[in-house]
């Protein structure tokens, strides 16, 4: 969508932006459970006794990438002023409607600043509007004052939209800043080939060090042998655009790719499923490794409640919810790589269905037909074809639609598909031009609130509430639970919100995916991390690669 950190929040952009930019905080690469650690900071932020003021200490000597935006083309040192500038861009209502929810109401004066930018319009001088909650102590120290004790506050500073950017680059490149990144990250964008390969090269001045602490068993797996080495370990990364699964699989088999996810067809070829476990097929066991981990994400079908047909007919939405056969999708199209969801929260997060006992719709054509009749469309009569939007055009996406289309047709509901590229899909969803959309939300921070905010009325599109759902009772429960510690009281509010979702059916929970892929044996230091990029830690065993390619 964009390489401007403050303008993006989609998963695809988030694979690239962390290679180019840095955030104040990040997540430990190896340790589990996930925990926040300093990135651009030299220590964790220090809270005041009342937890209403945090002191931040920046690393000294961190340089922005060399770029013509700086005098002499040399990257300058990152300082506190850059953090304030980036925080203001994050809060600018003309720039960011996607991730603002993570700091809304948190920092003294930041909401007022956002209101001032809305009134001033695009292109306003951000320096003209102060943020009283930000206090610069010196070039490498600043404080942030909070409006209230907020246990979610620090999570925001590990998100790519809060990455620090230099004002010089924004001013020089203007609208082209989103394709001309200038950050402090481990890699720099060297060039983009016309055929779609992103070439990233090592930042020789990157400050990062390979971790010396991991989870139990990491040392035995060789994941700590590079402890203390300067990052990144690789000289570069090539990220080719491969729109179809089969060419990508062939490139991997030929050793042209080091790591990739697995499509349905090649999963059956490379992997053997044994109940709830998996292993590499015998003929490939000496060449490849596989990994799988239950994702901190949800896949769902969203209904656009601004749509004049769907938005005004709750019974119709309930009927459609009963026609989504998630279990068949998991078994037939995903090779078992997912788990049906009964709430909006990924299964491994506190506050999921395991804690709330939430239930949701199941495939039930009898119930669907009954509800269709109650909605005014017996047997689907009089119901115009409904359009489902997808963010890809490949064979697997079309198979997914064909399966959905068949299930709906059995109840008399006709579907059409709108297959687009990802940026077009995002724009259509944000602008309310998608009737039904196949979407997902990947964790921003490890708290259930990140998922319940998807239906909060203040986050309606172009914010992350792409369904434009609005319900006062839901909002009341969400606001009450937002900053609570996990436990029975908070989970009771979650249960209330899930019951409202069940009744109003603004979306259909589909599944919690397994993050599954294959890596070459020569790829070193690989450990799937769902909250931070792995790329800066990876290395290549060149001798083994040469041997493997023979």
Protein backbone atom coordinates (compact mmCIF):
# COMPACT_ATOMS: atom_id res chain seq x y z
CA UNK A 1 0.00 0.00 0.00
CA UNK A 2 2.80 2.42 0.93
CA UNK A 3 6.37 2.54 2.21
CA UNK A 4 5.52 5.67 4.18
CA UNK A 5 5.20 4.20 7.69
CA UNK A 6 2.46 6.54 8.84
CA UNK A 7 0.24 5.84 5.83
CA UNK A 8 0.11 2.03 5.99
CA UNK A 9 -1.21 -0.74 8.21
CA UNK A 10 -1.60 -3.68 5.83
CA UNK A 11 0.27 -6.94 6.25
CA UNK A 12 1.98 -6.75 2.87
CA UNK A 13 3.48 -3.32 3.50
CA UNK A 14 4.44 -4.46 6.98
CA UNK A 15 6.72 -7.11 5.49
CA UNK A 16 8.83 -4.39 3.85
CA UNK A 17 8.61 -1.29 6.06
CA UNK A 18 10.48 -2.90 9.04
CA UNK A 19 13.44 -3.58 6.77
CA UNK A 20 13.74 0.14 6.06
CA UNK A 21 12.58 1.85 9.24
CA UNK A 22 12.99 1.41 12.98
CA UNK A 23 10.60 1.87 15.87
CA UNK A 24 11.27 2.91 19.45
CA UNK A 25 10.42 -0.59 20.67
CA UNK A 26 10.25 -4.03 19.12
CA UNK A 27 9.67 -7.61 20.24
CA UNK A 28 12.37 -10.03 21.27
CA UNK A 29 13.22 -12.20 18.27
CA UNK A 30 13.74 -15.47 20.10
CA UNK A 31 12.09 -15.24 23.51
CA UNK A 32 8.60 -16.61 24.13
CA UNK A 33 6.14 -15.47 25.26
CA UNK A 34 6.64 -12.34 23.21
CA UNK A 35 7.99 -9.37 25.12
CA UNK A 36 8.78 -5.76 24.29
CA UNK A 37 12.45 -4.78 24.09
CA UNK A 38 14.23 -1.52 23.11
CA UNK A 39 14.94 -0.83 19.45
CA UNK A 40 15.78 2.84 18.86
CA UNK A 41 15.90 3.25 22.64
CA UNK A 42 18.89 2.24 24.75
CA UNK A 43 16.63 0.99 27.57
CA UNK A 44 12.94 0.42 28.22
CA UNK A 45 10.92 3.60 28.89
CA UNK A 46 10.86 4.55 32.57
CA UNK A 47 7.42 5.23 34.09
CA UNK A 48 6.85 7.77 36.84
CA UNK A 49 5.42 6.44 40.13
CA UNK A 50 1.87 7.29 39.04
CA UNK A 51 2.52 5.74 35.58
CA UNK A 52 1.37 8.92 33.87
CA UNK A 53 4.75 10.05 32.51
CA UNK A 54 7.29 7.93 30.65
CA UNK A 55 10.90 8.91 30.02
CA UNK A 56 12.46 7.72 26.77
CA UNK A 57 16.23 7.53 26.15
CA UNK A 58 17.28 7.26 22.50
CA UNK A 59 20.36 5.33 21.41
CA UNK A 60 23.16 7.68 20.50
CA UNK A 61 24.83 7.49 17.11
CA UNK A 62 21.88 6.04 15.17
CA UNK A 63 22.09 7.35 11.59
CA UNK A 64 19.46 7.76 8.94
CA UNK A 65 20.27 6.16 5.60
CA UNK A 66 22.48 8.23 3.32
CA UNK A 67 20.23 10.22 1.01
CA UNK A 68 20.25 13.45 -1.06
CA UNK A 69 17.72 14.95 1.36
CA UNK A 70 20.60 15.52 3.82
CA UNK A 71 23.51 17.97 3.37
CA UNK A 72 26.26 16.22 1.44
CA UNK A 73 24.03 13.16 1.02
CA UNK A 74 25.23 11.67 4.32
CA UNK A 75 22.77 10.33 6.82
CA UNK A 76 22.54 12.40 9.99
CA UNK A 77 21.97 11.28 13.58
CA UNK A 78 18.44 10.55 14.78
CA UNK A 79 17.38 12.84 17.65
CA UNK A 80 14.35 13.61 19.82
CA UNK A 81 13.02 16.15 17.31
CA UNK A 82 12.61 13.33 14.77
CA UNK A 83 10.45 11.37 17.21
CA UNK A 84 8.19 14.39 17.76
CA UNK A 85 7.92 15.00 14.01
CA UNK A 86 7.02 11.35 13.41
CA UNK A 87 4.52 11.31 16.28
CA UNK A 88 2.83 14.35 14.77
CA UNK A 89 2.65 12.67 11.37
CA UNK A 90 1.14 9.62 13.06
CA UNK A 91 -1.55 11.83 14.64
CA UNK A 92 -2.17 13.95 11.52
CA UNK A 93 -5.79 13.31 10.51
CA UNK A 94 -4.89 14.05 6.89
CA UNK A 95 -2.29 11.26 6.82
CA UNK A 96 -3.35 8.49 9.16
CA UNK A 97 -6.80 7.02 9.59
CA UNK A 98 -5.57 3.46 9.84
CA UNK A 99 -3.54 3.14 13.03
CA UNK A 100 -4.57 6.24 14.98
CA UNK A 101 -6.75 4.06 17.21
CA UNK A 102 -3.62 2.75 18.98
CA UNK A 103 -2.84 6.14 20.58
CA UNK A 104 -6.25 7.81 20.52
CA UNK A 105 -6.93 9.42 23.88
CA UNK A 106 -3.56 8.32 25.27
CA UNK A 107 -1.11 11.28 25.18
CA UNK A 108 -1.87 14.68 26.67
CA UNK A 109 -2.72 17.08 23.84
CA UNK A 110 -2.31 14.58 20.99
CA UNK A 111 -6.05 14.38 20.25
CA UNK A 112 -6.22 18.19 20.22
CA UNK A 113 -3.29 18.23 17.80
CA UNK A 114 -5.18 15.80 15.54
CA UNK A 115 -8.27 18.01 15.64
CA UNK A 116 -6.13 21.01 14.67
CA UNK A 117 -4.73 19.17 11.63
CA UNK A 118 -8.24 18.25 10.56
CA UNK A 119 -9.24 21.89 10.70
CA UNK A 120 -6.06 23.08 8.95
CA UNK A 121 -6.30 20.55 6.12
CA UNK A 122 -3.60 18.69 4.15
CA UNK A 123 -0.13 20.15 3.93
CA UNK A 124 -0.33 22.20 7.12
CA UNK A 125 2.88 23.05 8.94
CA UNK A 126 2.90 20.53 11.80
CA UNK A 127 5.34 22.63 13.81
CA UNK A 128 2.59 25.22 14.28
CA UNK A 129 0.61 22.87 16.50
CA UNK A 130 2.14 21.84 19.83
CA UNK A 131 1.72 18.53 21.65
CA UNK A 132 1.87 19.43 25.36
CA UNK A 133 2.37 15.81 26.39
CA UNK A 134 5.72 15.62 24.56
CA UNK A 135 8.59 17.25 26.41
CA UNK A 136 12.09 17.31 24.96
CA UNK A 137 14.75 16.98 27.66
CA UNK A 138 17.76 16.95 25.33
CA UNK A 139 18.75 15.63 21.91
CA UNK A 140 18.36 12.03 23.05
CA UNK A 141 15.83 12.21 25.88
CA UNK A 142 12.13 13.08 25.97
CA UNK A 143 9.05 12.36 28.03
CA UNK A 144 5.47 11.53 27.12
CA UNK A 145 2.66 12.38 29.53
CA UNK A 146 -0.47 10.24 29.50
CA UNK A 147 -4.08 11.18 30.04
CA UNK A 148 -4.59 8.06 32.18
CA UNK A 149 -2.81 4.89 33.23
CA UNK A 150 -2.73 2.84 30.04
CA UNK A 151 -1.36 -0.72 29.93
CA UNK A 152 -1.58 -0.73 26.11
CA UNK A 153 0.43 2.47 25.66
CA UNK A 154 3.89 1.06 24.95
CA UNK A 155 2.61 -1.47 22.40
CA UNK A 156 2.01 1.39 19.97
CA UNK A 157 5.71 2.15 19.73
CA UNK A 158 6.52 -1.26 18.30
CA UNK A 159 4.11 -0.72 15.37
CA UNK A 160 5.53 0.25 11.98
CA UNK A 161 3.21 3.31 11.70
CA UNK A 162 5.12 4.85 14.65
CA UNK A 163 8.49 4.31 12.95
CA UNK A 164 10.72 7.39 12.99
CA UNK A 165 11.14 9.31 9.74
CA UNK A 166 13.27 12.40 8.93
CA UNK A 167 11.52 15.67 8.16
CA UNK A 168 14.03 16.46 5.39
CA UNK A 169 12.96 13.42 3.36
CA UNK A 170 9.25 14.13 3.79
CA UNK A 171 9.74 17.72 2.64
CA UNK A 172 11.94 16.83 -0.33
CA UNK A 173 9.99 13.89 -1.71
CA UNK A 174 6.46 15.05 -0.78
CA UNK A 175 3.95 12.66 -2.40
CA UNK A 176 6.79 10.40 -3.53
CA UNK A 177 8.00 9.74 0.01
CA UNK A 178 5.92 6.55 0.03
CA UNK A 179 8.15 5.11 -2.71
CA UNK A 180 11.41 6.77 -1.64
CA UNK A 181 12.00 5.53 1.91
CA UNK A 182 14.63 7.08 4.17
CA UNK A 183 14.87 5.37 7.55
CA UNK A 184 17.26 3.87 10.07
CA UNK A 185 16.36 0.23 9.41
CA UNK A 186 18.67 -2.74 8.75
CA UNK A 187 18.31 -2.49 4.96
CA UNK A 188 18.02 0.22 2.33
CA UNK A 189 15.94 0.10 -0.84
CA UNK A 190 18.48 -0.20 -3.66
CA UNK A 191 16.07 -0.35 -6.56
CA UNK A 192 12.86 -1.88 -7.85
CA UNK A 193 13.03 -3.75 -11.14
CA UNK A 194 10.25 -3.30 -13.65
CA UNK A 195 9.43 -6.98 -13.30
CA UNK A 196 8.71 -6.45 -9.64
CA UNK A 197 11.81 -7.41 -7.63
CA UNK A 198 12.57 -5.26 -4.59
CA UNK A 199 16.33 -5.18 -4.03
CA UNK A 200 17.26 -4.30 -0.45
CA UNK A 201 20.90 -3.84 0.54
CA UNK A 202 22.54 -3.98 3.95
CA UNK A 203 22.71 -0.77 5.97
CA UNK A 204 26.40 -0.68 7.02
CA UNK A 205 25.62 1.70 9.89
CA UNK A 206 22.78 -0.28 11.45
CA UNK A 207 23.01 -0.38 15.22
CA UNK A 208 21.38 -3.77 15.90
CA UNK A 209 23.08 -6.72 17.63
CA UNK A 210 22.06 -10.38 17.40
CA UNK A 211 20.38 -11.40 20.70
CA UNK A 212 22.17 -13.43 23.33
CA UNK A 213 18.98 -14.64 25.05
CA UNK A 214 16.44 -17.05 23.62
CA UNK A 215 13.70 -19.46 24.59
CA UNK A 216 14.47 -22.91 26.04
CA UNK A 217 15.93 -25.10 23.30
CA UNK A 218 17.08 -22.25 21.06
CA UNK A 219 20.76 -22.76 21.88
CA UNK A 220 20.52 -26.46 21.01
CA UNK A 221 19.01 -25.49 17.64
CA UNK A 222 21.96 -23.21 16.88
CA UNK A 223 19.88 -20.05 17.18
CA UNK A 224 22.32 -18.36 19.58
CA UNK A 225 25.60 -19.04 17.80
CA UNK A 226 25.64 -15.53 16.30
CA UNK A 227 24.95 -13.80 19.63
CA UNK A 228 26.61 -10.39 19.77
CA UNK A 229 27.20 -10.05 16.03
CA UNK A 230 26.25 -6.85 14.25
CA UNK A 231 23.06 -6.98 12.23
CA UNK A 232 21.94 -7.53 9.59
CA UNK A 233 23.90 -10.69 8.85
CA UNK A 234 22.93 -10.88 5.18
CA UNK A 235 24.28 -8.44 2.59
CA UNK A 236 20.87 -7.99 1.05
CA UNK A 237 17.37 -9.29 0.42
CA UNK A 238 15.60 -9.78 -2.88
CA UNK A 239 11.82 -9.77 -2.66
CA UNK A 240 10.34 -10.84 -6.01
CA UNK A 241 6.69 -10.30 -6.87
CA UNK A 242 5.36 -13.76 -7.80
CA UNK A 243 1.61 -13.60 -8.26
CA UNK A 244 0.94 -17.30 -8.87
CA UNK A 245 1.79 -20.10 -6.48
CA UNK A 246 3.18 -22.62 -8.96
CA UNK A 247 6.05 -20.47 -10.31
CA UNK A 248 7.00 -19.63 -6.72
CA UNK A 249 7.05 -23.33 -5.82
CA UNK A 250 9.27 -24.13 -8.79
CA UNK A 251 11.68 -21.34 -7.86
CA UNK A 252 11.88 -22.71 -4.32
CA UNK A 253 12.52 -26.26 -5.54
CA UNK A 254 15.33 -24.95 -7.75
CA UNK A 255 16.92 -23.12 -4.81
CA UNK A 256 16.10 -19.63 -6.12
CA UNK A 257 14.07 -18.79 -3.00
CA UNK A 258 15.22 -19.33 0.56
CA UNK A 259 11.84 -19.13 2.28
CA UNK A 260 8.22 -19.16 1.21
CA UNK A 261 4.75 -19.97 2.41
CA UNK A 262 3.09 -23.08 1.06
CA UNK A 263 0.19 -23.11 -1.37
CA UNK A 264 -2.45 -25.84 -1.36
CA UNK A 265 -1.16 -27.86 -4.33
CA UNK A 266 2.47 -27.97 -3.23
CA UNK A 267 1.58 -28.59 0.39
CA UNK A 268 0.42 -32.05 -0.61
CA UNK A 269 3.66 -32.63 -2.48
CA UNK A 270 6.12 -31.41 0.16
CA UNK A 271 4.37 -32.14 3.44
CA UNK A 272 2.79 -35.14 5.12
CA UNK A 273 -0.03 -34.48 7.54
CA UNK A 274 -0.21 -36.78 10.54
CA UNK A 275 -3.28 -35.88 12.56
CA UNK A 276 -2.65 -32.42 13.98
CA UNK A 277 1.06 -32.56 13.16
CA UNK A 278 3.09 -32.25 9.97
CA UNK A 279 6.44 -33.39 8.61
CA UNK A 280 8.46 -32.98 5.43
CA UNK A 281 7.79 -35.68 2.84
CA UNK A 282 10.56 -38.28 2.88
CA UNK A 283 11.98 -37.35 -0.54
CA UNK A 284 12.52 -33.73 0.58
CA UNK A 285 13.52 -34.28 4.21
CA UNK A 286 17.23 -33.75 3.50
CA UNK A 287 16.63 -30.54 1.53
CA UNK A 288 13.99 -28.50 3.32
CA UNK A 289 12.62 -27.65 6.74
CA UNK A 290 9.01 -26.81 7.49
CA UNK A 291 7.52 -24.67 10.22
CA UNK A 292 4.05 -24.07 11.45
CA UNK A 293 2.64 -21.94 14.23
CA UNK A 294 -0.90 -20.86 14.93
CA UNK A 295 -1.14 -17.28 13.78
CA UNK A 296 -2.10 -14.30 15.90
CA UNK A 297 -4.63 -13.34 13.26
CA UNK A 298 -8.22 -13.79 12.21
CA UNK A 299 -9.68 -14.35 8.76
CA UNK A 300 -13.22 -13.11 8.30
CA UNK A 301 -15.88 -12.13 5.80
CA UNK A 302 -17.01 -8.56 6.36
CA UNK A 303 -20.38 -7.09 5.41
CA UNK A 304 -20.39 -3.44 4.41
CA UNK A 305 -23.15 -1.97 6.57
CA UNK A 306 -23.20 1.16 4.40
CA UNK A 307 -24.51 -1.06 1.62
CA UNK A 308 -28.27 -0.33 1.24
CA UNK A 309 -29.12 -4.02 0.97
CA UNK A 310 -26.92 -5.60 3.64
CA UNK A 311 -26.82 -2.70 6.06
CA UNK A 312 -30.56 -2.59 6.68
CA UNK A 313 -31.30 -6.32 6.85
CA UNK A 314 -29.93 -8.08 9.91
CA UNK A 315 -31.77 -11.30 9.11
CA UNK A 316 -30.17 -11.41 5.67
CA UNK A 317 -26.72 -11.08 7.23
CA UNK A 318 -27.52 -13.85 9.68
CA UNK A 319 -28.66 -16.07 6.81
CA UNK A 320 -25.45 -15.45 4.87
CA UNK A 321 -23.39 -16.17 7.98
CA UNK A 322 -24.92 -19.67 8.09
CA UNK A 323 -23.75 -20.33 4.51
CA UNK A 324 -20.02 -19.94 5.20
CA UNK A 325 -18.68 -23.49 5.57
CA UNK A 326 -15.44 -22.79 7.39
CA UNK A 327 -14.63 -26.40 8.20
CA UNK A 328 -14.90 -27.45 4.56
CA UNK A 329 -12.68 -24.52 3.60
CA UNK A 330 -10.06 -25.61 6.15
CA UNK A 331 -10.08 -29.26 5.11
CA UNK A 332 -10.48 -28.93 1.34
CA UNK A 333 -8.65 -25.70 0.52
CA UNK A 334 -6.20 -25.30 3.41
CA UNK A 335 -5.09 -28.90 3.99
CA UNK A 336 -6.09 -28.55 7.64
CA UNK A 337 -4.00 -25.41 8.16
CA UNK A 338 -6.46 -23.50 10.29
CA UNK A 339 -8.92 -23.67 13.18
CA UNK A 340 -12.49 -22.40 13.07
CA UNK A 341 -12.99 -19.28 15.16
CA UNK A 342 -15.87 -18.70 17.55
CA UNK A 343 -14.84 -15.19 18.54
CA UNK A 344 -13.02 -12.23 17.04
CA UNK A 345 -9.84 -13.01 19.00
CA UNK A 346 -7.05 -15.41 17.89
CA UNK A 347 -7.09 -18.60 19.93
CA UNK A 348 -3.69 -18.12 21.57
CA UNK A 349 -4.41 -14.64 22.99
CA UNK A 350 -5.93 -14.08 26.43
CA UNK A 351 -9.61 -13.25 26.00
CA UNK A 352 -10.20 -15.70 23.15
CA UNK A 353 -13.06 -18.19 23.00
CA UNK A 354 -11.12 -20.32 25.46
CA UNK A 355 -11.70 -17.65 28.12
CA UNK A 356 -15.10 -16.33 27.10
CA UNK A 357 -16.91 -19.45 25.89
CA UNK A 358 -18.01 -17.47 22.84
CA UNK A 359 -19.94 -19.20 20.06
CA UNK A 360 -20.66 -18.18 16.49
CA UNK A 361 -22.49 -19.27 13.37
CA UNK A 362 -21.91 -22.67 11.85
CA UNK A 363 -22.75 -23.92 8.37
CA UNK A 364 -26.47 -24.67 8.47
CA UNK A 365 -28.38 -24.50 5.22
CA UNK A 366 -31.74 -25.17 6.92
CA UNK A 367 -31.27 -22.20 9.23
CA UNK A 368 -30.02 -20.10 6.32
CA UNK A 369 -33.12 -20.82 4.24
CA UNK A 370 -35.39 -20.03 7.18
CA UNK A 371 -33.65 -16.72 7.80
CA UNK A 372 -33.67 -15.86 4.09
CA UNK A 373 -37.44 -16.26 4.08
CA UNK A 374 -37.77 -14.12 7.23
CA UNK A 375 -35.53 -11.52 5.58
CA UNK A 376 -37.92 -11.30 2.65
CA UNK A 377 -36.08 -13.51 0.16
CA UNK A 378 -37.58 -17.03 0.31
CA UNK A 379 -35.32 -19.40 -1.60
CA UNK A 380 -33.27 -16.36 -2.61
CA UNK A 381 -36.13 -15.01 -4.73
CA UNK A 382 -35.81 -11.29 -5.37
CA UNK A 383 -32.30 -11.13 -3.93
CA UNK A 384 -29.87 -9.61 -6.44
CA UNK A 385 -26.43 -11.21 -6.86
CA UNK A 386 -24.04 -10.23 -4.10
CA UNK A 387 -20.42 -9.27 -4.81
CA UNK A 388 -17.50 -10.63 -2.80
CA UNK A 389 -14.21 -8.71 -3.05
CA UNK A 390 -10.79 -10.36 -2.85
CA UNK A 391 -7.28 -8.93 -2.59
CA UNK A 392 -5.69 -11.34 -5.08
CA UNK A 393 -6.35 -12.78 -8.51
CA UNK A 394 -4.56 -16.14 -8.36
CA UNK A 395 -5.85 -19.68 -8.69
CA UNK A 396 -6.14 -20.30 -4.94
CA UNK A 397 -8.29 -17.22 -4.46
CA UNK A 398 -10.56 -18.32 -7.29
CA UNK A 399 -10.91 -21.78 -5.75
CA UNK A 400 -11.91 -20.13 -2.48
CA UNK A 401 -14.60 -18.14 -4.26
CA UNK A 402 -15.87 -21.18 -6.17
CA UNK A 403 -16.32 -23.07 -2.90
CA UNK A 404 -18.18 -20.14 -1.32
CA UNK A 405 -20.29 -19.61 -4.43
CA UNK A 406 -21.43 -23.25 -4.41
CA UNK A 407 -22.45 -23.15 -0.75
CA UNK A 408 -24.45 -19.95 -1.23
CA UNK A 409 -26.07 -21.19 -4.43
CA UNK A 410 -27.46 -24.22 -2.57
CA UNK A 411 -29.67 -21.79 -0.63
CA UNK A 412 -30.58 -19.73 -3.70
CA UNK A 413 -28.07 -16.92 -3.11
CA UNK A 414 -26.04 -15.91 -6.15
CA UNK A 415 -22.51 -14.51 -5.77
CA UNK A 416 -20.19 -12.56 -8.04
CA UNK A 417 -16.48 -12.03 -7.45
CA UNK A 418 -14.34 -8.92 -7.65
CA UNK A 419 -10.70 -10.05 -7.91
CA UNK A 420 -8.23 -7.16 -7.58
CA UNK A 421 -4.66 -6.48 -6.53
CA UNK A 422 -4.03 -5.71 -2.86
CA UNK A 423 -3.72 -1.88 -3.04
CA UNK A 424 -6.94 -1.61 -5.07
CA UNK A 425 -8.73 -3.93 -2.67
CA UNK A 426 -7.63 -1.85 0.33
CA UNK A 427 -8.84 1.36 -1.28
CA UNK A 428 -12.20 -0.23 -2.15
CA UNK A 429 -12.72 -1.51 1.39
CA UNK A 430 -11.68 1.76 3.02
CA UNK A 431 -13.95 3.80 0.77
CA UNK A 432 -16.97 1.54 1.34
CA UNK A 433 -16.99 0.23 -2.23
CA UNK A 434 -16.96 -3.45 -1.29
CA UNK A 435 -20.24 -5.19 -0.52
CA UNK A 436 -18.81 -8.35 1.07
CA UNK A 437 -15.07 -8.68 1.50
CA UNK A 438 -12.67 -11.47 2.38
CA UNK A 439 -10.30 -9.92 4.88
CA UNK A 440 -8.01 -10.65 7.78
CA UNK A 441 -6.50 -8.83 10.73
CA UNK A 442 -2.99 -9.64 11.87
CA UNK A 443 -2.05 -8.82 15.44
CA UNK A 444 -0.64 -5.34 16.06
CA UNK A 445 0.05 -6.05 19.72
CA UNK A 446 -0.67 -9.13 21.85
CA UNK A 447 -3.93 -8.01 23.43
CA UNK A 448 -7.54 -8.84 22.57
CA UNK A 449 -8.38 -5.13 22.41
CA UNK A 450 -6.55 -5.00 19.06
CA UNK A 451 -9.29 -7.20 17.61
CA UNK A 452 -12.36 -5.84 19.38
CA UNK A 453 -11.51 -2.36 18.09
CA UNK A 454 -12.29 -3.67 14.59
CA UNK A 455 -15.98 -3.09 15.36
CA UNK A 456 -15.72 0.06 17.49
CA UNK A 457 -17.86 2.82 15.98
CA UNK A 458 -15.13 5.49 16.27
CA UNK A 459 -12.92 3.36 14.00
CA UNK A 460 -15.32 3.14 11.04
CA UNK A 461 -13.83 3.12 7.54
CA UNK A 462 -11.39 4.45 6.48
CA UNK A 463 -10.35 3.33 9.95
CA UNK A 464 -9.96 -0.41 10.65
CA UNK A 465 -13.71 -0.89 11.24
CA UNK A 466 -14.22 -1.65 7.56
CA UNK A 467 -17.76 -2.98 8.11
CA UNK A 468 -18.77 0.47 9.47
CA UNK A 469 -20.57 -1.34 12.30
CA UNK A 470 -21.95 0.91 15.04
CA UNK A 471 -23.73 -0.29 18.16
CA UNK A 472 -23.94 1.72 21.42
CA UNK A 473 -24.02 -1.38 23.63
CA UNK A 474 -20.93 -2.77 21.90
CA UNK A 475 -19.10 0.55 22.26
CA UNK A 476 -19.99 0.73 25.95
CA UNK A 477 -18.61 -2.75 26.65
CA UNK A 478 -15.52 -2.07 24.53
CA UNK A 479 -14.71 1.19 26.31
CA UNK A 480 -15.22 -0.41 29.73
CA UNK A 481 -12.89 -3.33 28.93
CA UNK A 482 -10.26 -1.50 26.91
CA UNK A 483 -7.69 -0.82 29.62
CA UNK A 484 -8.62 -3.55 32.06
CA UNK A 485 -6.21 -6.29 33.08
CA UNK A 486 -7.08 -9.73 31.76
CA UNK A 487 -9.37 -11.68 34.05
CA UNK A 488 -13.01 -12.66 34.64
CA UNK A 489 -14.35 -9.09 34.73
CA UNK A 490 -12.75 -8.16 31.41
CA UNK A 491 -13.75 -11.48 29.84
CA UNK A 492 -17.37 -10.85 30.82
CA UNK A 493 -17.32 -7.66 28.73
CA UNK A 494 -15.76 -9.63 25.87
CA UNK A 495 -18.56 -12.17 26.11
CA UNK A 496 -21.10 -9.36 25.88
CA UNK A 497 -19.41 -7.98 22.75
CA UNK A 498 -19.35 -11.41 21.14
CA UNK A 499 -23.08 -11.85 21.81
CA UNK A 500 -23.76 -8.52 20.08
CA UNK A 501 -21.64 -9.58 17.10
CA UNK A 502 -23.59 -12.83 16.93
CA UNK A 503 -26.90 -10.97 16.94
CA UNK A 504 -25.98 -8.17 14.53
CA UNK A 505 -23.71 -10.23 12.21
CA UNK A 506 -21.50 -7.45 10.81
CA UNK A 507 -18.89 -10.08 9.99
CA UNK A 508 -18.46 -13.84 9.85
CA UNK A 509 -15.50 -15.23 11.77
CA UNK A 510 -13.82 -17.69 9.46
CA UNK A 511 -10.65 -19.23 10.86
CA UNK A 512 -7.44 -18.77 12.79
CA UNK A 513 -4.75 -19.71 10.24
CA UNK A 514 -1.67 -21.79 10.79
CA UNK A 515 1.35 -19.81 9.60
CA UNK A 516 3.04 -22.48 7.53
CA UNK A 517 6.04 -22.47 5.24
CA UNK A 518 9.22 -24.10 4.04
CA UNK A 519 12.84 -22.99 4.32
CA UNK A 520 16.00 -24.19 2.67
CA UNK A 521 18.42 -26.11 4.89
CA UNK A 522 21.01 -23.41 4.26
CA UNK A 523 18.86 -20.64 5.79
CA UNK A 524 20.30 -19.97 9.26
CA UNK A 525 18.80 -18.44 12.42
CA UNK A 526 15.23 -18.86 11.22
CA UNK A 527 12.54 -18.80 13.89
CA UNK A 528 9.07 -17.68 12.93
CA UNK A 529 8.19 -14.50 14.78
CA UNK A 530 4.65 -13.15 14.47
CA UNK A 531 5.39 -9.70 15.89
CA UNK A 532 8.68 -8.62 14.36
CA UNK A 533 10.53 -9.18 11.10
CA UNK A 534 12.97 -12.08 10.95
CA UNK A 535 15.02 -10.77 8.02
CA UNK A 536 17.74 -8.87 9.90
CA UNK A 537 18.65 -12.02 11.88
CA UNK A 538 18.87 -14.45 8.97
CA UNK A 539 22.02 -15.71 7.31
CA UNK A 540 23.01 -18.12 4.54
CA UNK A 541 25.34 -21.09 4.87
CA UNK A 542 27.00 -20.50 1.50
CA UNK A 543 28.89 -23.81 1.47
CA UNK A 544 25.72 -25.79 2.13
CA UNK A 545 23.85 -23.76 -0.45
CA UNK A 546 26.42 -24.53 -3.14
CA UNK A 547 26.24 -28.19 -2.22
CA UNK A 548 22.45 -28.18 -2.24
CA UNK A 549 22.23 -26.59 -5.67
CA UNK A 550 24.34 -29.28 -7.30
